[in-house]
N, C-alpha and C. Protein backbone atom coordinates (compact mmCIF):
# COMPACT_ATOMS: atom_id res chain seq x y z
N UNK A 1 119.16 -81.85 133.25
CA UNK A 1 118.76 -80.69 133.95
C UNK A 1 119.63 -80.28 135.13
N UNK A 2 119.50 -81.65 136.41
CA UNK A 2 119.77 -81.69 137.69
C UNK A 2 121.48 -81.57 137.39
N UNK A 3 122.08 -82.15 136.28
CA UNK A 3 123.33 -81.48 136.23
C UNK A 3 123.58 -80.65 135.57
N UNK A 4 123.52 -79.94 135.11
CA UNK A 4 123.51 -78.22 135.09
C UNK A 4 123.60 -77.69 136.06
N UNK A 5 121.93 -77.27 136.74
CA UNK A 5 121.90 -76.78 137.70
C UNK A 5 124.03 -77.62 138.85
N UNK A 6 123.75 -78.57 138.82
CA UNK A 6 125.19 -79.02 140.30
C UNK A 6 126.05 -77.68 139.41
N UNK A 7 126.00 -78.70 138.30
CA UNK A 7 127.22 -77.43 137.79
C UNK A 7 127.54 -76.30 138.25
N UNK A 8 126.28 -74.83 137.77
CA UNK A 8 126.01 -74.29 138.27
C UNK A 8 126.68 -73.36 139.81
N UNK A 9 125.41 -75.14 139.92
CA UNK A 9 126.42 -74.60 141.33
C UNK A 9 127.78 -74.52 142.14
N UNK A 10 128.11 -75.89 141.61
CA UNK A 10 129.88 -75.69 141.48
C UNK A 10 130.13 -74.37 141.33
N UNK A 11 130.32 -73.96 140.29
CA UNK A 11 131.09 -73.01 139.41
C UNK A 11 130.25 -71.87 140.64
N UNK A 12 129.47 -70.78 140.69
CA UNK A 12 129.33 -70.69 141.82
C UNK A 12 130.15 -70.04 143.30
N UNK A 13 130.13 -72.04 143.71
CA UNK A 13 130.34 -71.98 145.26
C UNK A 13 132.18 -71.40 144.95
N UNK A 14 132.96 -72.15 143.86
CA UNK A 14 134.17 -71.78 143.61
C UNK A 14 134.25 -70.45 143.50
N UNK A 15 133.80 -69.59 143.18
CA UNK A 15 133.65 -68.55 142.96
C UNK A 15 133.86 -67.52 143.87
N UNK A 16 132.25 -68.08 144.93
CA UNK A 16 132.23 -67.01 145.78
C UNK A 16 133.40 -66.70 146.69
N UNK A 17 133.90 -68.38 146.72
CA UNK A 17 135.32 -68.50 148.25
C UNK A 17 136.15 -68.07 147.03
N UNK A 18 136.11 -68.34 146.35
CA UNK A 18 137.88 -67.81 145.74
C UNK A 18 137.92 -66.31 146.22
N UNK A 19 137.02 -65.17 145.91
CA UNK A 19 136.89 -64.09 145.89
C UNK A 19 138.24 -63.52 146.88
N UNK A 20 139.09 -62.24 146.42
CA UNK A 20 139.63 -61.28 147.15
C UNK A 20 139.05 -60.59 147.64
N UNK A 21 139.35 -60.85 148.94
CA UNK A 21 139.04 -59.61 150.08
C UNK A 21 139.23 -58.64 149.71
N UNK A 22 138.64 -57.31 149.42
CA UNK A 22 140.05 -56.30 148.74
C UNK A 22 140.58 -55.18 150.57
N UNK A 23 139.89 -55.22 151.66
CA UNK A 23 139.81 -55.13 153.11
C UNK A 23 141.03 -55.47 153.62
N UNK A 24 141.53 -56.48 153.08
CA UNK A 24 142.65 -57.37 153.46
C UNK A 24 144.05 -56.58 153.01
N UNK A 25 144.83 -56.11 153.60
CA UNK A 25 145.75 -55.72 153.23
C UNK A 25 147.30 -56.81 154.26
N UNK A 26 148.03 -57.63 153.49
CA UNK A 26 149.17 -57.94 153.93
C UNK A 26 150.63 -57.74 153.92
N UNK A 27 151.11 -58.10 155.02
CA UNK A 27 152.66 -56.91 155.69
C UNK A 27 153.37 -58.84 155.94
N UNK A 28 154.29 -58.34 155.78
CA UNK A 28 155.26 -59.40 156.14
C UNK A 28 156.52 -59.02 156.68
N UNK A 29 157.04 -59.75 157.52
CA UNK A 29 157.91 -59.48 159.31
C UNK A 29 158.34 -61.08 159.44
N UNK A 30 160.20 -60.52 158.53
CA UNK A 30 160.61 -62.02 159.39
C UNK A 30 160.43 -63.44 158.00
N UNK A 31 159.89 -63.18 156.73
CA UNK A 31 159.33 -64.31 156.09
C UNK A 31 158.42 -64.61 155.92
N UNK A 32 157.90 -64.14 156.76
CA UNK A 32 156.43 -64.86 157.44
C UNK A 32 155.14 -63.55 157.29
N UNK A 33 153.68 -64.13 156.64
CA UNK A 33 152.45 -63.45 156.23
C UNK A 33 151.66 -63.36 157.95
N UNK A 34 151.44 -62.15 157.21
CA UNK A 34 150.54 -61.14 158.43
C UNK A 34 149.75 -60.77 157.63
N UNK A 35 149.07 -60.01 158.11
CA UNK A 35 148.16 -58.51 157.98
C UNK A 35 148.26 -57.22 158.12
N UNK A 36 148.59 -55.86 157.77
CA UNK A 36 148.42 -55.17 158.43
C UNK A 36 147.37 -54.88 159.96
N UNK A 37 146.74 -55.24 159.79
CA UNK A 37 145.83 -54.95 160.73
C UNK A 37 146.50 -55.78 162.06
N UNK A 38 147.34 -56.60 161.76
CA UNK A 38 147.54 -57.07 163.11
C UNK A 38 148.71 -56.28 164.18
N UNK A 39 149.77 -55.73 162.76
CA UNK A 39 150.83 -55.27 163.37
C UNK A 39 150.45 -53.56 163.52
N UNK A 40 149.21 -52.83 163.30
CA UNK A 40 149.06 -51.80 163.66
C UNK A 40 148.28 -52.27 165.40
N UNK A 41 147.85 -53.29 165.35
CA UNK A 41 147.76 -53.39 166.96
C UNK A 41 148.53 -53.86 167.78
N UNK A 42 150.00 -53.86 167.17
CA UNK A 42 151.06 -54.36 168.01
C UNK A 42 152.05 -53.67 167.32
N UNK A 43 151.57 -51.89 167.93
CA UNK A 43 152.13 -51.23 166.82
C UNK A 43 154.04 -51.06 169.11
N UNK A 44 153.61 -51.66 169.91
CA UNK A 44 154.28 -51.67 170.61
C UNK A 44 155.56 -52.82 169.91
N UNK A 45 155.87 -53.44 169.27
CA UNK A 45 155.82 -54.56 169.18
C UNK A 45 156.99 -54.04 167.68
N UNK A 46 156.05 -53.22 166.90
CA UNK A 46 156.71 -53.05 165.55
C UNK A 46 157.55 -51.38 165.49
N UNK A 47 159.79 -51.58 164.45
CA UNK A 47 160.06 -50.80 164.45
C UNK A 47 159.66 -49.62 162.83
N UNK A 48 159.19 -50.11 162.18
CA UNK A 48 158.66 -49.64 161.11
C UNK A 48 158.29 -50.35 160.00
N UNK A 49 157.57 -49.12 159.53
CA UNK A 49 156.79 -49.99 158.43
C UNK A 49 156.79 -49.97 156.82
N UNK A 50 157.26 -50.16 156.41
CA UNK A 50 157.08 -49.89 154.42
C UNK A 50 156.26 -50.13 153.98
N UNK A 51 155.78 -49.77 152.89
CA UNK A 51 154.66 -49.73 152.77
C UNK A 51 155.03 -50.25 151.08
N UNK A 52 154.62 -50.97 150.73
CA UNK A 52 155.77 -50.10 149.00
C UNK A 52 153.41 -51.19 148.25
N UNK A 53 154.39 -50.65 146.41
CA UNK A 53 152.84 -50.80 145.99
C UNK A 53 153.55 -52.01 144.80
N UNK A 54 152.03 -53.00 144.84
CA UNK A 54 152.83 -54.25 143.72
C UNK A 54 154.35 -53.94 142.54
N UNK A 55 154.23 -52.85 141.33
CA UNK A 55 154.70 -52.60 141.31
C UNK A 55 156.40 -52.05 141.62
N UNK A 56 157.04 -52.23 142.56
CA UNK A 56 157.79 -51.43 143.06
C UNK A 56 158.39 -52.83 144.54
N UNK A 57 158.27 -53.92 144.12
CA UNK A 57 158.26 -54.99 145.07
C UNK A 57 159.96 -54.91 145.23
N UNK A 58 160.39 -54.59 146.89
CA UNK A 58 161.94 -55.12 146.95
C UNK A 58 162.20 -56.78 146.93
N UNK A 59 163.39 -56.65 146.49
CA UNK A 59 164.08 -57.73 145.56
C UNK A 59 163.63 -59.28 146.96
N UNK A 60 163.77 -58.89 148.21
CA UNK A 60 163.42 -59.77 149.56
C UNK A 60 161.54 -59.84 149.22
N UNK A 61 160.97 -59.15 148.50
CA UNK A 61 159.78 -59.55 148.17
C UNK A 61 159.24 -60.21 147.24
N UNK A 62 159.39 -59.91 146.39
CA UNK A 62 159.02 -60.93 145.23
C UNK A 62 158.22 -61.63 145.15
N UNK A 63 159.30 -62.80 146.09
CA UNK A 63 157.99 -63.83 146.46
C UNK A 63 156.52 -64.07 146.99
N UNK A 64 156.33 -62.60 146.96
CA UNK A 64 154.99 -62.65 147.60
C UNK A 64 154.26 -61.45 147.16
N UNK A 65 154.68 -61.19 145.60
CA UNK A 65 153.91 -60.61 144.39
C UNK A 65 152.05 -60.63 144.19
N UNK A 66 152.32 -61.91 144.27
CA UNK A 66 151.25 -62.53 144.16
C UNK A 66 150.13 -62.04 145.08
N UNK A 67 150.31 -61.67 146.19
CA UNK A 67 149.43 -60.90 147.59
C UNK A 67 149.78 -59.31 147.70
N UNK A 68 150.35 -59.22 147.00
CA UNK A 68 150.36 -56.85 146.72
C UNK A 68 149.87 -56.51 145.40
N UNK A 69 148.46 -57.22 145.39
CA UNK A 69 147.07 -56.29 144.53
C UNK A 69 147.19 -55.31 145.20
N UNK A 70 146.64 -55.52 146.89
CA UNK A 70 146.54 -53.76 147.63
C UNK A 70 147.49 -52.93 148.47
N UNK A 71 148.80 -53.65 147.21
CA UNK A 71 150.42 -53.42 148.07
C UNK A 71 150.49 -54.12 148.82
N UNK A 72 151.43 -53.93 149.89
CA UNK A 72 152.67 -54.53 150.66
C UNK A 72 153.40 -54.31 151.64
N UNK A 73 153.01 -54.48 153.11
CA UNK A 73 153.97 -53.42 153.60
C UNK A 73 154.73 -54.37 153.94
N UNK A 74 156.23 -54.40 154.66
CA UNK A 74 157.46 -54.33 155.50
C UNK A 74 157.74 -54.58 156.59
N UNK A 75 157.51 -55.44 157.05
CA UNK A 75 156.96 -54.66 158.42
C UNK A 75 158.99 -55.52 159.49
N UNK A 76 158.80 -54.69 160.39
CA UNK A 76 160.69 -55.03 160.86
C UNK A 76 159.73 -54.21 162.18
N UNK A 77 160.94 -55.92 162.82
CA UNK A 77 160.18 -55.71 165.37
C UNK A 77 161.06 -55.11 165.55
N UNK A 78 160.70 -54.32 166.56
CA UNK A 78 162.35 -53.13 167.37
C UNK A 78 163.12 -54.95 167.95
N UNK A 79 164.06 -54.28 168.22
CA UNK A 79 164.84 -55.69 169.00
C UNK A 79 164.46 -55.69 170.69
N UNK A 80 164.80 -56.66 170.63
CA UNK A 80 164.69 -57.74 171.58
C UNK A 80 163.35 -57.50 172.60
N UNK A 81 162.58 -57.70 170.98
CA UNK A 81 160.66 -57.93 171.81
C UNK A 81 159.83 -59.26 171.13
N UNK A 82 161.25 -59.70 170.96
CA UNK A 82 160.34 -60.94 170.57
C UNK A 82 159.76 -60.82 168.78
N UNK A 83 158.80 -62.70 169.05
CA UNK A 83 158.18 -62.63 167.63
C UNK A 83 157.69 -63.23 167.86
N UNK A 84 156.40 -63.29 166.95
CA UNK A 84 154.53 -63.25 166.53
C UNK A 84 154.78 -65.13 166.73
N UNK A 85 153.95 -65.55 167.71
CA UNK A 85 153.99 -67.78 166.09
C UNK A 85 153.33 -67.61 165.20
N UNK A 86 154.79 -68.62 164.86
CA UNK A 86 153.78 -68.69 163.33
C UNK A 86 153.72 -69.59 162.69
N UNK A 87 153.26 -70.52 161.37
CA UNK A 87 153.76 -72.08 161.49
C UNK A 87 153.45 -71.97 159.89
N UNK A 88 153.82 -72.46 159.69
CA UNK A 88 153.80 -73.44 157.75
C UNK A 88 152.55 -73.23 157.07
N UNK A 89 151.80 -73.45 156.59
CA UNK A 89 150.67 -74.17 155.98
C UNK A 89 150.43 -75.71 155.45
N UNK A 90 152.03 -76.35 155.27
CA UNK A 90 151.80 -77.32 155.30
C UNK A 90 151.30 -78.08 156.11
N UNK A 91 151.07 -77.30 157.68
CA UNK A 91 151.38 -77.89 158.98
C UNK A 91 149.72 -77.21 159.17
N UNK A 92 149.63 -77.25 158.93
CA UNK A 92 147.91 -76.41 158.87
C UNK A 92 147.59 -77.34 157.98
N UNK A 93 147.39 -77.79 157.35
CA UNK A 93 147.33 -78.86 155.73
C UNK A 93 146.98 -80.39 156.66
N UNK A 94 148.18 -80.88 157.40
CA UNK A 94 148.37 -81.20 157.89
C UNK A 94 147.07 -81.63 158.68
N UNK A 95 146.78 -80.50 159.80
CA UNK A 95 145.70 -80.69 161.02
C UNK A 95 144.76 -81.03 160.42
N UNK A 96 144.10 -80.85 159.28
CA UNK A 96 142.68 -80.79 158.56
C UNK A 96 143.04 -81.88 157.76
N UNK A 97 144.09 -83.18 157.56
CA UNK A 97 143.89 -84.24 156.89
C UNK A 97 144.21 -83.97 155.42
N UNK A 98 144.64 -82.71 155.38
CA UNK A 98 144.95 -82.64 153.47
C UNK A 98 146.60 -82.61 153.38
N UNK A 99 146.12 -82.91 152.22
CA UNK A 99 147.93 -83.22 151.75
C UNK A 99 148.27 -81.93 151.86
N UNK A 100 150.21 -82.51 152.04
CA UNK A 100 150.90 -81.06 153.24
C UNK A 100 151.03 -79.66 151.91
N UNK A 101 150.98 -80.59 150.41
CA UNK A 101 151.44 -79.70 149.02
C UNK A 101 150.14 -79.15 148.94
N UNK A 102 148.79 -78.98 149.29
CA UNK A 102 147.43 -78.54 148.80
C UNK A 102 148.24 -76.73 148.84
N UNK A 103 147.48 -76.91 147.23
CA UNK A 103 147.23 -74.69 148.19
C UNK A 103 146.13 -74.29 149.49
N UNK A 104 146.53 -73.47 150.02
CA UNK A 104 145.91 -72.77 150.73
C UNK A 104 145.36 -71.14 150.29
N UNK A 105 144.24 -70.96 150.82
CA UNK A 105 143.05 -69.85 150.50
C UNK A 105 143.35 -69.15 151.59
N UNK A 106 143.51 -67.65 151.91
CA UNK A 106 143.43 -66.99 152.59
C UNK A 106 142.60 -65.56 151.93
N UNK A 107 141.88 -65.41 152.18
CA UNK A 107 141.11 -63.98 151.84
C UNK A 107 140.88 -63.17 150.65
N UNK A 108 141.00 -65.13 149.66
CA UNK A 108 140.69 -64.74 148.54
C UNK A 108 141.68 -64.82 147.42
N UNK A 109 143.20 -65.58 148.82
CA UNK A 109 143.72 -65.49 147.22
C UNK A 109 144.83 -66.99 147.69
N UNK A 110 145.39 -67.93 146.78
CA UNK A 110 145.76 -68.60 146.80
C UNK A 110 146.51 -68.85 146.31
N UNK A 111 147.49 -69.35 148.30
CA UNK A 111 148.79 -69.51 149.10
C UNK A 111 149.32 -70.92 148.11
N UNK A 112 149.90 -70.93 146.54
CA UNK A 112 150.70 -72.28 146.21
C UNK A 112 151.90 -72.51 146.94
N UNK A 113 152.38 -72.16 147.35
CA UNK A 113 154.02 -72.14 148.59
C UNK A 113 153.44 -72.47 149.14
N UNK A 114 153.53 -74.34 149.99
CA UNK A 114 153.02 -74.69 151.28
C UNK A 114 153.65 -74.47 152.48
N UNK A 115 154.81 -73.83 151.97
CA UNK A 115 156.74 -73.33 153.61
C UNK A 115 156.04 -72.53 153.64
N UNK A 116 155.06 -71.24 152.98
CA UNK A 116 155.43 -70.29 153.38
C UNK A 116 154.72 -70.61 154.42
N UNK A 117 154.71 -69.39 155.44
CA UNK A 117 155.13 -68.95 157.43
C UNK A 117 153.64 -67.93 156.82
N UNK A 118 152.65 -68.42 157.99
CA UNK A 118 152.03 -66.88 158.31
C UNK A 118 151.61 -66.65 159.45
N UNK A 119 151.91 -65.96 160.36
CA UNK A 119 151.03 -65.47 162.08
C UNK A 119 150.13 -66.55 162.01
N UNK A 120 150.11 -67.14 163.64
CA UNK A 120 149.00 -67.85 163.80
C UNK A 120 147.65 -66.42 164.12
N UNK A 121 147.69 -65.64 164.36
CA UNK A 121 147.20 -64.37 164.36
C UNK A 121 146.93 -64.22 164.00
N UNK A 122 146.55 -64.38 162.23
CA UNK A 122 145.55 -63.27 161.86
C UNK A 122 144.33 -64.29 161.56
N UNK A 123 144.07 -65.34 162.33
CA UNK A 123 142.73 -66.54 161.71
C UNK A 123 141.82 -66.30 162.82
N UNK A 124 141.23 -66.22 162.16
CA UNK A 124 139.47 -66.38 162.89
C UNK A 124 139.60 -67.04 162.31
N UNK A 125 139.39 -67.86 161.57
CA UNK A 125 138.39 -69.04 160.77
C UNK A 125 138.97 -69.92 160.21
N UNK A 126 138.83 -71.25 160.01
CA UNK A 126 139.62 -72.36 158.61
C UNK A 126 137.92 -73.28 158.89
N UNK A 127 138.42 -72.97 157.47
CA UNK A 127 136.66 -73.84 156.82
C UNK A 127 138.05 -75.31 155.54
N UNK A 128 137.60 -76.42 155.79
CA UNK A 128 137.78 -76.97 154.28
C UNK A 128 136.32 -77.82 153.63
N UNK A 129 136.67 -76.76 152.04
CA UNK A 129 135.65 -76.18 150.89
C UNK A 129 136.24 -76.98 149.82
N UNK A 130 134.98 -77.10 148.47
CA UNK A 130 136.06 -77.51 147.27
C UNK A 130 136.42 -76.51 146.98
N UNK A 131 138.06 -76.90 146.28
CA UNK A 131 138.24 -75.56 145.35
C UNK A 131 138.90 -75.99 143.93
N UNK A 132 138.62 -76.22 142.81
CA UNK A 132 139.43 -76.79 141.53
C UNK A 132 139.36 -78.42 141.77
N UNK A 133 137.87 -78.91 142.47
CA UNK A 133 137.50 -79.54 142.14
C UNK A 133 138.98 -81.01 143.90
N UNK A 134 139.24 -80.02 144.84
CA UNK A 134 139.94 -80.59 145.15
C UNK A 134 139.60 -80.34 146.77
N UNK A 135 139.88 -80.68 147.60
CA UNK A 135 139.76 -80.22 149.33
C UNK A 135 140.53 -79.13 149.79
N UNK A 136 140.35 -77.74 149.90
CA UNK A 136 141.68 -76.66 150.00
C UNK A 136 140.72 -75.90 151.56
N UNK A 137 142.23 -75.72 151.95
CA UNK A 137 141.26 -75.52 153.35
C UNK A 137 141.14 -73.30 152.98
N UNK A 138 140.24 -72.67 153.71
CA UNK A 138 140.09 -71.54 153.16
C UNK A 138 140.30 -70.74 154.54
N UNK A 139 141.24 -69.67 154.81
CA UNK A 139 141.09 -68.61 155.89
C UNK A 139 140.35 -67.58 155.94
N UNK A 140 139.61 -67.48 156.94
CA UNK A 140 139.44 -66.10 156.95
C UNK A 140 140.00 -65.06 158.09
N UNK A 141 140.55 -64.17 157.51
CA UNK A 141 141.71 -63.35 158.56
C UNK A 141 140.72 -62.57 159.93
N UNK A 142 141.62 -61.89 160.82
CA UNK A 142 140.37 -61.30 161.54
C UNK A 142 140.55 -59.99 161.15
N UNK A 143 139.65 -59.55 160.52
CA UNK A 143 139.59 -57.73 160.36
C UNK A 143 139.46 -56.50 161.86
N UNK A 144 139.14 -56.86 162.77
CA UNK A 144 139.26 -55.93 164.01
C UNK A 144 140.44 -56.71 165.27
N UNK A 145 140.74 -55.87 165.93
CA UNK A 145 141.56 -56.71 166.82
C UNK A 145 141.21 -55.90 167.55
N UNK A 146 141.10 -56.47 169.60
CA UNK A 146 140.02 -56.24 170.10
C UNK A 146 141.49 -57.11 171.64
N UNK A 147 141.75 -55.69 171.88
CA UNK A 147 142.55 -55.65 173.32
C UNK A 147 142.67 -54.57 174.13
């Protein structure tokens, strides 16, 4: 009986942790992943935003198609404004003592390519949890930016 309860508990925790957050809309700028909220809060830096549906992604965004369930926005910075800080997922894995090639879960979306760059400002919380039997980073994003 204990084994059955333990199995159900493990399945439930994986299911809860891996739920995709429908409120998060991802954006890509300079080949790094952020959120639409991140760039909306920094409109002075943004030259243009182009939202795409999952079925109509241009070739340069196809590699991010796994994030396009709610659409995907391409952002372009204004000239001479610099850029926000970003880091690869492999670096985050290393910081938390995990293998560099581990997948990372961001708001329920599984990022299998650890060379993917994400903007540091989207991170609200990072936790290490079990996912499919191995330790995995779970990242929660900032929902509302306060400036």
